[in-house]
Amino acid sequence: MVDYQKLYTKLFNAMTDALEELEQLNIGRVKNILRRAQQEAEEEYLSSEE
């Protein structure tokens, strides 16, 4: 069963980190944070459906 609260928390924290980096204009870091969070959430979602 998918734990949506866990996925939400993971994505929310990544967004918070990305916004902090954006304030410092660390665009490359922002992209990495968001990409990693997206990949991890997708992997978690797919593995929990099995």
Protein backbone atom coordinates (compact mmCIF):
# COMPACT_ATOMS: atom_id res chain seq x y z
CA MET A 1 0.00 0.00 0.00
CA VAL A 2 1.27 3.45 -0.90
CA ASP A 3 2.12 5.67 2.08
CA TYR A 4 1.06 9.02 0.64
CA GLN A 5 1.88 10.88 3.83
CA LYS A 6 5.50 9.70 3.57
CA LEU A 7 5.67 10.69 -0.12
CA TYR A 8 4.12 14.08 0.64
CA THR A 9 6.63 14.72 3.42
CA LYS A 10 9.54 13.73 1.20
CA LEU A 11 8.40 16.04 -1.61
CA PHE A 12 7.51 18.88 0.76
CA ASN A 13 10.97 18.77 2.35
CA ALA A 14 12.61 18.74 -1.06
CA MET A 15 10.57 21.77 -2.10
CA THR A 16 11.63 23.58 1.08
CA ASP A 17 15.29 22.78 0.39
CA ALA A 18 14.92 23.85 -3.25
CA LEU A 19 13.33 27.16 -2.29
CA GLU A 20 16.16 27.89 0.13
CA GLU A 21 18.70 27.18 -2.62
CA LEU A 22 16.71 29.30 -5.07
CA GLU A 23 17.01 32.27 -2.72
CA GLN A 24 20.79 31.88 -3.05
CA LEU A 25 20.43 31.54 -6.86
CA ASN A 26 21.90 28.02 -6.80
CA ILE A 27 19.89 26.95 -9.84
CA GLY A 28 21.89 23.78 -10.50
CA ARG A 29 21.42 22.68 -6.90
CA VAL A 30 17.69 23.39 -7.14
CA LYS A 31 17.40 21.19 -10.21
CA ASN A 32 19.31 18.38 -8.52
CA ILE A 33 17.19 18.52 -5.37
CA LEU A 34 13.92 18.44 -7.32
CA ARG A 35 15.07 15.75 -9.73
CA ARG A 36 16.28 13.51 -6.90
CA ALA A 37 13.05 13.97 -4.94
CA GLN A 38 11.00 13.15 -8.01
CA GLN A 39 12.99 10.00 -8.69
CA GLU A 40 12.92 8.82 -5.08
CA ALA A 41 9.18 9.42 -4.75
CA GLU A 42 8.51 7.60 -8.01
CA GLU A 43 10.66 4.64 -6.96
CA GLU A 44 8.94 4.48 -3.59
CA TYR A 45 5.49 4.70 -5.18
CA LEU A 46 6.22 1.98 -7.73
CA SER A 47 7.81 -0.37 -5.20
CA SER A 48 4.91 -0.01 -2.77
CA GLU A 49 2.36 -0.93 -5.43
CA GLU A 50 3.86 -4.38 -5.95
